[in-house]
Amino acid sequence: MIEHADDFRDTLMQIKTGNLKNARTTKIQLSPITETRHAVQLSQPKFAEKLGISVNTLRSWEQGLRKPSGAAKTLLELLHRRPELIHELHA
């Protein structure tokens, strides 16, 4: 337990001094749907409302649990290329 406390203290000191050369970083790969939603700065509920879908459906798409198909897939591909078009959709 004390060993972990020392590691934690050392990490905090590295952050404080900006000495992060040996720090481990993790890059998170966002789904194209999540990237699009972030690009237009909308929350999941607001983005789902614009698309006319439930928040649960959007979450499952963003998490890769399900994939959109048909018109939804086409619309999302278009919005990924031209995110500003989201504002043309009426909810």
PDB file of N, CA and C in Angstrom:
ATOM      1  N   MET A   1       0.823  -1.189   0.000  1.00  0.00           N
ATOM      2  CA  MET A   1       0.000   0.000   0.000  1.00  0.00           C
ATOM      3  C   MET A   1       0.867   1.252   0.000  1.00  0.00           C
ATOM      4  N   ILE A   2       1.930   1.248   0.816  1.00  0.00           N
ATOM      5  CA  ILE A   2       2.825   2.401   0.877  1.00  0.00           C
ATOM      6  C   ILE A   2       3.534   2.582  -0.461  1.00  0.00           C
ATOM      7  N   GLU A   3       3.857   1.468  -1.120  1.00  0.00           N
ATOM      8  CA  GLU A   3       4.511   1.543  -2.426  1.00  0.00           C
ATOM      9  C   GLU A   3       3.641   2.314  -3.421  1.00  0.00           C
ATOM     10  N   HIS A   4       2.353   2.063  -3.420  1.00  0.00           N
ATOM     11  CA  HIS A   4       1.443   2.766  -4.316  1.00  0.00           C
ATOM     12  C   HIS A   4       1.342   4.238  -3.945  1.00  0.00           C
ATOM     13  N   ALA A   5       1.393   4.538  -2.673  1.00  0.00           N
ATOM     14  CA  ALA A   5       1.351   5.932  -2.233  1.00  0.00           C
ATOM     15  C   ALA A   5       2.577   6.678  -2.741  1.00  0.00           C
ATOM     16  N   ASP A   6       3.729   6.029  -2.712  1.00  0.00           N
ATOM     17  CA  ASP A   6       4.950   6.654  -3.228  1.00  0.00           C
ATOM     18  C   ASP A   6       4.836   6.902  -4.731  1.00  0.00           C
ATOM     19  N   ASP A   7       4.305   5.925  -5.466  1.00  0.00           N
ATOM     20  CA  ASP A   7       4.109   6.097  -6.906  1.00  0.00           C
ATOM     21  C   ASP A   7       3.161   7.255  -7.188  1.00  0.00           C
ATOM     22  N   PHE A   8       2.104   7.332  -6.416  1.00  0.00           N
ATOM     23  CA  PHE A   8       1.126   8.398  -6.589  1.00  0.00           C
ATOM     24  C   PHE A   8       1.768   9.756  -6.316  1.00  0.00           C
ATOM     25  N   ARG A   9       2.553   9.840  -5.244  1.00  0.00           N
ATOM     26  CA  ARG A   9       3.241  11.085  -4.899  1.00  0.00           C
ATOM     27  C   ARG A   9       4.197  11.489  -6.019  1.00  0.00           C
ATOM     28  N   ASP A  10       4.940  10.515  -6.550  1.00  0.00           N
ATOM     29  CA  ASP A  10       5.876  10.798  -7.640  1.00  0.00           C
ATOM     30  C   ASP A  10       5.139  11.302  -8.882  1.00  0.00           C
ATOM     31  N   THR A  11       4.015  10.694  -9.175  1.00  0.00           N
ATOM     32  CA  THR A  11       3.223  11.119 -10.330  1.00  0.00           C
ATOM     33  C   THR A  11       2.722  12.539 -10.150  1.00  0.00           C
ATOM     34  N   LEU A  12       2.222  12.849  -8.972  1.00  0.00           N
ATOM     35  CA  LEU A  12       1.755  14.211  -8.702  1.00  0.00           C
ATOM     36  C   LEU A  12       2.885  15.221  -8.846  1.00  0.00           C
ATOM     37  N   MET A  13       4.077  14.861  -8.403  1.00  0.00           N
ATOM     38  CA  MET A  13       5.225  15.752  -8.516  1.00  0.00           C
ATOM     39  C   MET A  13       5.592  15.967  -9.987  1.00  0.00           C
ATOM     40  N   GLN A  14       5.526  14.899 -10.788  1.00  0.00           N
ATOM     41  CA  GLN A  14       5.809  15.033 -12.220  1.00  0.00           C
ATOM     42  C   GLN A  14       4.812  15.973 -12.891  1.00  0.00           C
ATOM     43  N   ILE A  15       3.560  15.849 -12.526  1.00  0.00           N
ATOM     44  CA  ILE A  15       2.531  16.721 -13.091  1.00  0.00           C
ATOM     45  C   ILE A  15       2.788  18.160 -12.679  1.00  0.00           C
ATOM     46  N   LYS A  16       3.089  18.356 -11.415  1.00  0.00           N
ATOM     47  CA  LYS A  16       3.310  19.706 -10.890  1.00  0.00           C
ATOM     48  C   LYS A  16       4.498  20.378 -11.563  1.00  0.00           C
ATOM     49  N   THR A  17       5.565  19.629 -11.802  1.00  0.00           N
ATOM     50  CA  THR A  17       6.775  20.209 -12.388  1.00  0.00           C
ATOM     51  C   THR A  17       6.750  20.185 -13.914  1.00  0.00           C
ATOM     52  N   GLY A  18       5.783  19.493 -14.500  1.00  0.00           N
ATOM     53  CA  GLY A  18       5.710  19.399 -15.953  1.00  0.00           C
ATOM     54  C   GLY A  18       6.690  18.408 -16.537  1.00  0.00           C
ATOM     55  N   ASN A  19       7.306  17.594 -15.710  1.00  0.00           N
ATOM     56  CA  ASN A  19       8.284  16.602 -16.149  1.00  0.00           C
ATOM     57  C   ASN A  19       7.557  15.295 -16.465  1.00  0.00           C
ATOM     58  N   LEU A  20       6.973  15.231 -17.650  1.00  0.00           N
ATOM     59  CA  LEU A  20       6.136  14.084 -17.999  1.00  0.00           C
ATOM     60  C   LEU A  20       6.744  13.223 -19.100  1.00  0.00           C
ATOM     61  N   LYS A  21       8.065  13.290 -19.293  1.00  0.00           N
ATOM     62  CA  LYS A  21       8.682  12.572 -20.407  1.00  0.00           C
ATOM     63  C   LYS A  21       8.509  11.061 -20.317  1.00  0.00           C
ATOM     64  N   ASN A  22       8.383  10.511 -19.136  1.00  0.00           N
ATOM     65  CA  ASN A  22       8.192   9.067 -18.986  1.00  0.00           C
ATOM     66  C   ASN A  22       6.740   8.698 -18.709  1.00  0.00           C
ATOM     67  N   ALA A  23       5.863   9.672 -18.851  1.00  0.00           N
ATOM     68  CA  ALA A  23       4.456   9.427 -18.544  1.00  0.00           C
ATOM     69  C   ALA A  23       3.820   8.551 -19.621  1.00  0.00           C
ATOM     70  N   ARG A  24       2.935   7.707 -19.195  1.00  0.00           N
ATOM     71  CA  ARG A  24       2.196   6.846 -20.114  1.00  0.00           C
ATOM     72  C   ARG A  24       0.967   7.612 -20.579  1.00  0.00           C
ATOM     73  N   THR A  25       0.716   7.617 -21.865  1.00  0.00           N
ATOM     74  CA  THR A  25      -0.474   8.270 -22.392  1.00  0.00           C
ATOM     75  C   THR A  25      -1.317   7.240 -23.127  1.00  0.00           C
ATOM     76  N   THR A  26      -2.591   7.482 -23.118  1.00  0.00           N
ATOM     77  CA  THR A  26      -3.524   6.608 -23.805  1.00  0.00           C
ATOM     78  C   THR A  26      -4.345   7.452 -24.765  1.00  0.00           C
ATOM     79  N   LYS A  27      -4.337   7.075 -26.029  1.00  0.00           N
ATOM     80  CA  LYS A  27      -5.152   7.773 -27.015  1.00  0.00           C
ATOM     81  C   LYS A  27      -6.434   6.988 -27.210  1.00  0.00           C
ATOM     82  N   ILE A  28      -7.526   7.699 -27.174  1.00  0.00           N
ATOM     83  CA  ILE A  28      -8.829   7.077 -27.336  1.00  0.00           C
ATOM     84  C   ILE A  28      -9.317   7.362 -28.748  1.00  0.00           C
ATOM     85  N   GLN A  29      -9.664   6.316 -29.462  1.00  0.00           N
ATOM     86  CA  GLN A  29     -10.182   6.456 -30.821  1.00  0.00           C
ATOM     87  C   GLN A  29     -11.694   6.621 -30.743  1.00  0.00           C
ATOM     88  N   LEU A  30     -12.177   7.783 -31.153  1.00  0.00           N
ATOM     89  CA  LEU A  30     -13.609   8.031 -31.148  1.00  0.00           C
ATOM     90  C   LEU A  30     -14.232   7.490 -32.427  1.00  0.00           C
ATOM     91  N   SER A  31     -15.479   7.092 -32.326  1.00  0.00           N
ATOM     92  CA  SER A  31     -16.191   6.649 -33.522  1.00  0.00           C
ATOM     93  C   SER A  31     -16.463   7.868 -34.403  1.00  0.00           C
ATOM     94  N   PRO A  32     -16.635   7.664 -35.710  1.00  0.00           N
ATOM     95  CA  PRO A  32     -16.968   8.795 -36.584  1.00  0.00           C
ATOM     96  C   PRO A  32     -18.238   9.523 -36.140  1.00  0.00           C
ATOM     97  N   ILE A  33     -19.182   8.790 -35.586  1.00  0.00           N
ATOM     98  CA  ILE A  33     -20.420   9.416 -35.110  1.00  0.00           C
ATOM     99  C   ILE A  33     -20.114  10.340 -33.938  1.00  0.00           C
ATOM    100  N   THR A  34     -19.300   9.876 -33.005  1.00  0.00           N
ATOM    101  CA  THR A  34     -18.921  10.701 -31.856  1.00  0.00           C
ATOM    102  C   THR A  34     -18.113  11.906 -32.310  1.00  0.00           C
ATOM    103  N   GLU A  35     -17.195  11.705 -33.256  1.00  0.00           N
ATOM    104  CA  GLU A  35     -16.410  12.824 -33.784  1.00  0.00           C
ATOM    105  C   GLU A  35     -17.322  13.883 -34.387  1.00  0.00           C
ATOM    106  N   THR A  36     -18.317  13.445 -35.137  1.00  0.00           N
ATOM    107  CA  THR A  36     -19.260  14.374 -35.756  1.00  0.00           C
ATOM    108  C   THR A  36     -20.040  15.131 -34.695  1.00  0.00           C
ATOM    109  N   ARG A  37     -20.516  14.406 -33.695  1.00  0.00           N
ATOM    110  CA  ARG A  37     -21.286  15.054 -32.616  1.00  0.00           C
ATOM    111  C   ARG A  37     -20.436  16.078 -31.883  1.00  0.00           C
ATOM    112  N   HIS A  38     -19.180  15.741 -31.623  1.00  0.00           N
ATOM    113  CA  HIS A  38     -18.277  16.686 -30.963  1.00  0.00           C
ATOM    114  C   HIS A  38     -18.005  17.894 -31.855  1.00  0.00           C
ATOM    115  N   ALA A  39     -17.886  17.667 -33.160  1.00  0.00           N
ATOM    116  CA  ALA A  39     -17.604  18.762 -34.093  1.00  0.00           C
ATOM    117  C   ALA A  39     -18.710  19.811 -34.081  1.00  0.00           C
ATOM    118  N   VAL A  40     -19.941  19.374 -33.875  1.00  0.00           N
ATOM    119  CA  VAL A  40     -21.063  20.322 -33.851  1.00  0.00           C
ATOM    120  C   VAL A  40     -21.423  20.744 -32.429  1.00  0.00           C
ATOM    121  N   GLN A  41     -20.664  20.253 -31.478  1.00  0.00           N
ATOM    122  CA  GLN A  41     -20.802  20.630 -30.067  1.00  0.00           C
ATOM    123  C   GLN A  41     -22.218  20.407 -29.531  1.00  0.00           C
ATOM    124  N   LEU A  42     -22.738  19.215 -29.798  1.00  0.00           N
ATOM    125  CA  LEU A  42     -24.054  18.859 -29.278  1.00  0.00           C
ATOM    126  C   LEU A  42     -23.929  17.699 -28.303  1.00  0.00           C
ATOM    127  N   SER A  43     -24.771  17.729 -27.285  1.00  0.00           N
ATOM    128  CA  SER A  43     -24.837  16.613 -26.342  1.00  0.00           C
ATOM    129  C   SER A  43     -25.497  15.423 -27.038  1.00  0.00           C
ATOM    130  N   GLN A  44     -25.388  14.266 -26.430  1.00  0.00           N
ATOM    131  CA  GLN A  44     -26.052  13.089 -27.001  1.00  0.00           C
ATOM    132  C   GLN A  44     -27.561  13.302 -27.135  1.00  0.00           C
ATOM    133  N   PRO A  45     -28.244  13.816 -26.098  1.00  0.00           N
ATOM    134  CA  PRO A  45     -29.691  14.020 -26.248  1.00  0.00           C
ATOM    135  C   PRO A  45     -30.054  14.981 -27.385  1.00  0.00           C
ATOM    136  N   LYS A  46     -29.311  16.069 -27.529  1.00  0.00           N
ATOM    137  CA  LYS A  46     -29.626  17.044 -28.579  1.00  0.00           C
ATOM    138  C   LYS A  46     -29.309  16.490 -29.973  1.00  0.00           C
ATOM    139  N   PHE A  47     -28.197  15.767 -30.098  1.00  0.00           N
ATOM    140  CA  PHE A  47     -27.831  15.172 -31.380  1.00  0.00           C
ATOM    141  C   PHE A  47     -28.854  14.108 -31.769  1.00  0.00           C
ATOM    142  N   ALA A  48     -29.242  13.277 -30.814  1.00  0.00           N
ATOM    143  CA  ALA A  48     -30.247  12.238 -31.072  1.00  0.00           C
ATOM    144  C   ALA A  48     -31.574  12.869 -31.494  1.00  0.00           C
ATOM    145  N   GLU A  49     -31.947  13.954 -30.834  1.00  0.00           N
ATOM    146  CA  GLU A  49     -33.189  14.643 -31.180  1.00  0.00           C
ATOM    147  C   GLU A  49     -33.135  15.156 -32.620  1.00  0.00           C
ATOM    148  N   LYS A  50     -32.007  15.735 -33.012  1.00  0.00           N
ATOM    149  CA  LYS A  50     -31.847  16.233 -34.382  1.00  0.00           C
ATOM    150  C   LYS A  50     -31.985  15.100 -35.402  1.00  0.00           C
ATOM    151  N   LEU A  51     -31.486  13.921 -35.040  1.00  0.00           N
ATOM    152  CA  LEU A  51     -31.541  12.775 -35.950  1.00  0.00           C
ATOM    153  C   LEU A  51     -32.876  12.031 -35.887  1.00  0.00           C
ATOM    154  N   GLY A  52     -33.691  12.343 -34.875  1.00  0.00           N
ATOM    155  CA  GLY A  52     -34.974  11.665 -34.725  1.00  0.00           C
ATOM    156  C   GLY A  52     -34.841  10.245 -34.214  1.00  0.00           C
ATOM    157  N   ILE A  53     -33.835  10.027 -33.361  1.00  0.00           N
ATOM    158  CA  ILE A  53     -33.598   8.697 -32.784  1.00  0.00           C
ATOM    159  C   ILE A  53     -33.530   8.818 -31.270  1.00  0.00           C
ATOM    160  N   SER A  54     -33.556   7.687 -30.591  1.00  0.00           N
ATOM    161  CA  SER A  54     -33.430   7.710 -29.133  1.00  0.00           C
ATOM    162  C   SER A  54     -31.964   7.882 -28.732  1.00  0.00           C
ATOM    163  N   VAL A  55     -31.763   8.376 -27.536  1.00  0.00           N
ATOM    164  CA  VAL A  55     -30.405   8.515 -27.003  1.00  0.00           C
ATOM    165  C   VAL A  55     -29.760   7.139 -26.877  1.00  0.00           C
ATOM    166  N   ASN A  56     -30.543   6.139 -26.493  1.00  0.00           N
ATOM    167  CA  ASN A  56     -29.993   4.778 -26.378  1.00  0.00           C
ATOM    168  C   ASN A  56     -29.471   4.263 -27.716  1.00  0.00           C
ATOM    169  N   THR A  57     -30.186   4.559 -28.789  1.00  0.00           N
ATOM    170  CA  THR A  57     -29.718   4.152 -30.117  1.00  0.00           C
ATOM    171  C   THR A  57     -28.412   4.853 -30.453  1.00  0.00           C
ATOM    172  N   LEU A  58     -28.351   6.158 -30.208  1.00  0.00           N
ATOM    173  CA  LEU A  58     -27.120   6.911 -30.477  1.00  0.00           C
ATOM    174  C   LEU A  58     -25.959   6.356 -29.664  1.00  0.00           C
ATOM    175  N   ARG A  59     -26.199   6.094 -28.390  1.00  0.00           N
ATOM    176  CA  ARG A  59     -25.130   5.544 -27.538  1.00  0.00           C
ATOM    177  C   ARG A  59     -24.633   4.201 -28.068  1.00  0.00           C
ATOM    178  N   SER A  60     -25.557   3.363 -28.482  1.00  0.00           N
ATOM    179  CA  SER A  60     -25.134   2.047 -28.981  1.00  0.00           C
ATOM    180  C   SER A  60     -24.341   2.186 -30.278  1.00  0.00           C
ATOM    181  N   TRP A  61     -24.666   3.169 -31.105  1.00  0.00           N
ATOM    182  CA  TRP A  61     -23.876   3.435 -32.311  1.00  0.00           C
ATOM    183  C   TRP A  61     -22.493   3.951 -31.939  1.00  0.00           C
ATOM    184  N   GLU A  62     -22.449   4.909 -31.025  1.00  0.00           N
ATOM    185  CA  GLU A  62     -21.167   5.502 -30.637  1.00  0.00           C
ATOM    186  C   GLU A  62     -20.246   4.478 -29.979  1.00  0.00           C
ATOM    187  N   GLN A  63     -20.820   3.543 -29.250  1.00  0.00           N
ATOM    188  CA  GLN A  63     -20.022   2.529 -28.556  1.00  0.00           C
ATOM    189  C   GLN A  63     -19.708   1.327 -29.445  1.00  0.00           C
ATOM    190  N   GLY A  64     -20.235   1.323 -30.652  1.00  0.00           N
ATOM    191  CA  GLY A  64     -19.973   0.224 -31.573  1.00  0.00           C
ATOM    192  C   GLY A  64     -20.773  -1.033 -31.280  1.00  0.00           C
ATOM    193  N   LEU A  65     -21.795  -0.917 -30.441  1.00  0.00           N
ATOM    194  CA  LEU A  65     -22.630  -2.076 -30.122  1.00  0.00           C
ATOM    195  C   LEU A  65     -23.591  -2.394 -31.258  1.00  0.00           C
ATOM    196  N   ARG A  66     -24.018  -1.357 -31.963  1.00  0.00           N
ATOM    197  CA  ARG A  66     -24.897  -1.496 -33.121  1.00  0.00           C
ATOM    198  C   ARG A  66     -24.384  -0.569 -34.209  1.00  0.00           C
ATOM    199  N   LYS A  67     -24.820  -0.819 -35.429  1.00  0.00           N
ATOM    200  CA  LYS A  67     -24.415   0.024 -36.552  1.00  0.00           C
ATOM    201  C   LYS A  67     -25.654   0.578 -37.239  1.00  0.00           C
ATOM    202  N   PRO A  68     -25.605   1.854 -37.597  1.00  0.00           N
ATOM    203  CA  PRO A  68     -26.741   2.412 -38.329  1.00  0.00           C
ATOM    204  C   PRO A  68     -26.815   1.794 -39.726  1.00  0.00           C
ATOM    205  N   SER A  69     -28.013   1.763 -40.270  1.00  0.00           N
ATOM    206  CA  SER A  69     -28.176   1.232 -41.621  1.00  0.00           C
ATOM    207  C   SER A  69     -29.144   2.119 -42.392  1.00  0.00           C
ATOM    208  N   GLY A  70     -29.216   1.885 -43.675  1.00  0.00           N
ATOM    209  CA  GLY A  70     -30.166   2.596 -44.519  1.00  0.00           C
ATOM    210  C   GLY A  70     -29.969   4.094 -44.508  1.00  0.00           C
ATOM    211  N   ALA A  71     -31.086   4.809 -44.389  1.00  0.00           N
ATOM    212  CA  ALA A  71     -31.067   6.268 -44.441  1.00  0.00           C
ATOM    213  C   ALA A  71     -30.240   6.867 -43.306  1.00  0.00           C
ATOM    214  N   ALA A  72     -30.287   6.258 -42.134  1.00  0.00           N
ATOM    215  CA  ALA A  72     -29.515   6.776 -40.994  1.00  0.00           C
ATOM    216  C   ALA A  72     -28.021   6.720 -41.292  1.00  0.00           C
ATOM    217  N   LYS A  73     -27.574   5.629 -41.878  1.00  0.00           N
ATOM    218  CA  LYS A  73     -26.155   5.484 -42.220  1.00  0.00           C
ATOM    219  C   LYS A  73     -25.738   6.541 -43.243  1.00  0.00           C
ATOM    220  N   THR A  74     -26.571   6.743 -44.257  1.00  0.00           N
ATOM    221  CA  THR A  74     -26.277   7.741 -45.287  1.00  0.00           C
ATOM    222  C   THR A  74     -26.230   9.139 -44.687  1.00  0.00           C
ATOM    223  N   LEU A  75     -27.205   9.458 -43.844  1.00  0.00           N
ATOM    224  CA  LEU A  75     -27.235  10.773 -43.205  1.00  0.00           C
ATOM    225  C   LEU A  75     -26.004  10.988 -42.337  1.00  0.00           C
ATOM    226  N   LEU A  76     -25.617   9.998 -41.572  1.00  0.00           N
ATOM    227  CA  LEU A  76     -24.442  10.130 -40.701  1.00  0.00           C
ATOM    228  C   LEU A  76     -23.157  10.289 -41.508  1.00  0.00           C
ATOM    229  N   GLU A  77     -23.052   9.587 -42.628  1.00  0.00           N
ATOM    230  CA  GLU A  77     -21.872   9.747 -43.486  1.00  0.00           C
ATOM    231  C   GLU A  77     -21.809  11.163 -44.051  1.00  0.00           C
ATOM    232  N   LEU A  78     -22.956  11.700 -44.449  1.00  0.00           N
ATOM    233  CA  LEU A  78     -23.017  13.068 -44.954  1.00  0.00           C
ATOM    234  C   LEU A  78     -22.647  14.071 -43.864  1.00  0.00           C
ATOM    235  N   LEU A  79     -23.195  13.871 -42.669  1.00  0.00           N
ATOM    236  CA  LEU A  79     -22.893  14.776 -41.555  1.00  0.00           C
ATOM    237  C   LEU A  79     -21.429  14.693 -41.137  1.00  0.00           C
ATOM    238  N   HIS A  80     -20.821  13.530 -41.306  1.00  0.00           N
ATOM    239  CA  HIS A  80     -19.397  13.399 -40.966  1.00  0.00           C
ATOM    240  C   HIS A  80     -18.551  14.256 -41.911  1.00  0.00           C
ATOM    241  N   ARG A  81     -18.959  14.310 -43.180  1.00  0.00           N
ATOM    242  CA  ARG A  81     -18.227  15.127 -44.155  1.00  0.00           C
ATOM    243  C   ARG A  81     -18.579  16.604 -44.044  1.00  0.00           C
ATOM    244  N   ARG A  82     -19.835  16.890 -43.701  1.00  0.00           N
ATOM    245  CA  ARG A  82     -20.305  18.275 -43.628  1.00  0.00           C
ATOM    246  C   ARG A  82     -21.108  18.476 -42.343  1.00  0.00           C
ATOM    247  N   PRO A  83     -20.418  18.511 -41.177  1.00  0.00           N
ATOM    248  CA  PRO A  83     -21.119  18.578 -39.887  1.00  0.00           C
ATOM    249  C   PRO A  83     -22.037  19.787 -39.729  1.00  0.00           C
ATOM    250  N   GLU A  84     -21.736  20.864 -40.442  1.00  0.00           N
ATOM    251  CA  GLU A  84     -22.562  22.070 -40.302  1.00  0.00           C
ATOM    252  C   GLU A  84     -23.999  21.833 -40.765  1.00  0.00           C
ATOM    253  N   LEU A  85     -24.228  20.788 -41.551  1.00  0.00           N
ATOM    254  CA  LEU A  85     -25.578  20.496 -42.041  1.00  0.00           C
ATOM    255  C   LEU A  85     -26.526  20.061 -40.926  1.00  0.00           C
ATOM    256  N   ILE A  86     -25.993  19.705 -39.780  1.00  0.00           N
ATOM    257  CA  ILE A  86     -26.851  19.295 -38.655  1.00  0.00           C
ATOM    258  C   ILE A  86     -27.843  20.398 -38.302  1.00  0.00           C
ATOM    259  N   HIS A  87     -27.434  21.643 -38.523  1.00  0.00           N
ATOM    260  CA  HIS A  87     -28.294  22.774 -38.167  1.00  0.00           C
ATOM    261  C   HIS A  87     -29.457  22.940 -39.147  1.00  0.00           C
ATOM    262  N   GLU A  88     -29.396  22.241 -40.277  1.00  0.00           N
ATOM    263  CA  GLU A  88     -30.492  22.265 -41.244  1.00  0.00           C
ATOM    264  C   GLU A  88     -31.589  21.271 -40.873  1.00  0.00           C
ATOM    265  N   LEU A  89     -31.268  20.333 -39.986  1.00  0.00           N
ATOM    266  CA  LEU A  89     -32.252  19.334 -39.572  1.00  0.00           C
ATOM    267  C   LEU A  89     -33.188  19.935 -38.539  1.00  0.00           C
ATOM    268  N   HIS A  90     -34.449  19.632 -38.663  1.00  0.00           N
ATOM    269  CA  HIS A  90     -35.440  20.131 -37.707  1.00  0.00           C
ATOM    270  C   HIS A  90     -35.850  18.992 -36.789  1.00  0.00           C
ATOM    271  N   ALA A  91     -35.844  19.281 -35.521  1.00  0.00           N
ATOM    272  CA  ALA A  91     -36.225  18.253 -34.555  1.00  0.00           C
ATOM    273  C   ALA A  91     -37.619  18.519 -34.047  1.00  0.00           C
TER     274      ALA A  91
END
